[in-house]
Amino acid sequence: MRPSTTILAWSLALAALGGGTALLQAGTPPPSQAAETTTHTFRQAEKTVRGSVTVRRDGDRTLLVFSDDFRTSESAPDLKVAVSPSSTPLVGSKPPAYPLQEGSYTVIAPLRSASGAQTYVLPDSIDLNRQGSVLIWCEQFNATMAWAPLHG
């Protein structure tokens, strides 16, 4: 039996057992394993920013994928990727630096580059459902470069 015939026979057998009409195509992951994605645009805080961050589920991992056109200040030192439970993390902070309150964020990793596509794996200890935004933050001067709300 050819692989495509085996898949068709298996799908038809499953459909007969469950009363549904599910048909699997070769190379298509089952719905429970399909990747979930949402894209969020970065907003300017202290510095001009471009691009977006896509949150993608990949099996058991949650990824933050920055777009090809992502760009923030190349002169800002000590930049970090962080998350905050607030979808409005800069409320209460003052320009020009937009400082963050201690304990109002979790650092994920140092920012690899001030521009271009890059991917960060969220640690298992961070429940993204409890996070409201992704931040680009300068730890040295407690200055928020940009943020992307995850909700609303």
Foldseek 3Di string as FASTA:
>chain_A
DDPQVVQQVVQVVVCVVVVHNDHDGPPDDDPVQDKDKDKWFKDFAQWDWGWIWMWIDHPPWTKTKTAFFTAFDQPFPQKFKKWFLDLCQQVPADPDFSAGDPPRIGTQGTDPGRHGIDMGIGDPVDDCVSTFKIWTARPVVRGTGIMTGPDD
